[in-house]
Amino acid sequence: MKKQIITATTAVVLGSTLFAGAASAQSVKVKKGDTLWDLSKKYGTTISKIKSENKLHSDIIYAGQTLSINGKSAASGSKAVHLLLHTK
């Protein structure tokens, strides 16, 4: 019974963390070597969505540029995997 309660609690917390990450926009400062492909994979979104949200007309981005990215946060994705590994 105790194990089921812990598992249920973890599922609720995990679900809340993932949902919160998915719903929030983040400001990301482009670093030298960043690409739209890399950023889309890191933040769990698509190149098209990043371009649309930032009114980009090409695939070119510049170091120092700030982009708004709606997607799951990189931190919450890592945290979710970490929690799953320890709850089994």
Protein backbone atom coordinates (compact mmCIF):
# COMPACT_ATOMS: atom_id res chain seq x y z
CA MET A 1 0.00 0.00 0.00
CA LYS A 2 2.78 2.43 0.91
CA LYS A 3 4.54 1.73 -2.39
CA GLN A 4 1.32 2.46 -4.32
CA ILE A 5 0.86 5.81 -2.55
CA ILE A 6 4.44 6.82 -3.30
CA THR A 7 4.04 5.78 -6.93
CA ALA A 8 0.75 7.70 -7.26
CA THR A 9 2.24 10.79 -5.64
CA THR A 10 5.27 10.61 -7.90
CA ALA A 11 3.03 10.30 -10.97
CA VAL A 12 1.07 13.41 -9.97
CA VAL A 13 4.22 15.43 -9.28
CA LEU A 14 5.86 14.18 -12.45
CA GLY A 15 2.78 14.99 -14.53
CA SER A 16 2.62 18.49 -13.05
CA THR A 17 6.30 19.08 -13.75
CA LEU A 18 6.03 17.99 -17.37
CA PHE A 19 2.85 19.97 -17.96
CA ALA A 20 4.30 23.11 -16.41
CA GLY A 21 7.41 22.80 -18.56
CA ALA A 22 5.38 22.32 -21.72
CA ALA A 23 3.18 25.34 -21.10
CA SER A 24 5.83 27.96 -20.48
CA ALA A 25 7.75 30.10 -22.94
CA GLN A 26 11.44 30.51 -22.33
CA SER A 27 13.83 33.20 -23.45
CA VAL A 28 16.91 31.53 -24.83
CA LYS A 29 20.05 33.43 -25.75
CA VAL A 30 21.67 31.92 -28.84
CA LYS A 31 25.27 30.81 -28.34
CA LYS A 32 27.95 30.40 -30.99
CA GLY A 33 27.35 27.08 -32.74
CA ASP A 34 23.63 26.82 -31.85
CA THR A 35 21.26 25.80 -34.62
CA LEU A 36 17.49 25.79 -34.82
CA TRP A 37 17.69 21.99 -35.05
CA ASP A 38 19.70 21.75 -31.81
CA LEU A 39 17.40 24.16 -29.97
CA SER A 40 14.26 22.38 -31.18
CA LYS A 41 15.54 19.03 -29.88
CA LYS A 42 16.78 20.50 -26.59
CA TYR A 43 13.45 22.18 -25.82
CA GLY A 44 11.12 19.55 -27.33
CA THR A 45 9.62 21.66 -30.10
CA THR A 46 9.98 22.05 -33.85
CA ILE A 47 12.03 24.37 -36.04
CA SER A 48 8.80 25.66 -37.60
CA LYS A 49 7.37 26.60 -34.20
CA ILE A 50 10.54 28.43 -33.15
CA LYS A 51 10.59 30.33 -36.45
CA SER A 52 6.89 31.21 -36.19
CA GLU A 53 7.09 32.35 -32.55
CA ASN A 54 10.06 34.59 -33.33
CA LYS A 55 8.90 35.80 -36.77
CA LEU A 56 12.00 34.36 -38.43
CA HIS A 57 11.92 34.21 -42.24
CA SER A 58 15.02 32.04 -42.63
CA ASP A 59 16.89 29.33 -40.73
CA ILE A 60 19.71 31.73 -39.83
CA ILE A 61 20.17 32.66 -36.17
CA TYR A 62 22.98 34.68 -34.61
CA ALA A 63 25.02 34.40 -31.42
CA GLY A 64 23.60 36.86 -28.88
CA GLN A 65 20.09 36.74 -30.39
CA THR A 66 17.30 36.03 -27.89
CA LEU A 67 14.60 33.59 -28.96
CA SER A 68 11.31 32.80 -27.30
CA ILE A 69 10.78 29.04 -27.25
CA ASN A 70 7.57 27.30 -26.21
CA GLY A 71 8.32 23.71 -25.37
CA LYS A 72 9.24 21.51 -22.50
CA SER A 73 12.16 22.85 -20.54
CA ALA A 74 15.37 20.96 -20.81
CA ALA A 75 15.61 20.76 -17.02
CA SER A 76 12.17 19.29 -16.46
CA GLY A 77 12.79 16.64 -19.09
CA SER A 78 15.98 15.53 -17.34
CA LYS A 79 14.31 15.64 -13.94
CA ALA A 80 11.43 13.47 -15.19
CA VAL A 81 13.78 10.76 -16.43
CA HIS A 82 15.70 10.90 -13.16
CA LEU A 83 12.51 10.47 -11.10
CA LEU A 84 11.29 7.59 -13.25
CA LEU A 85 14.55 5.72 -12.83
CA HIS A 86 14.38 6.00 -9.05
CA THR A 87 10.72 5.09 -8.57
CA LYS A 88 10.92 1.60 -10.08
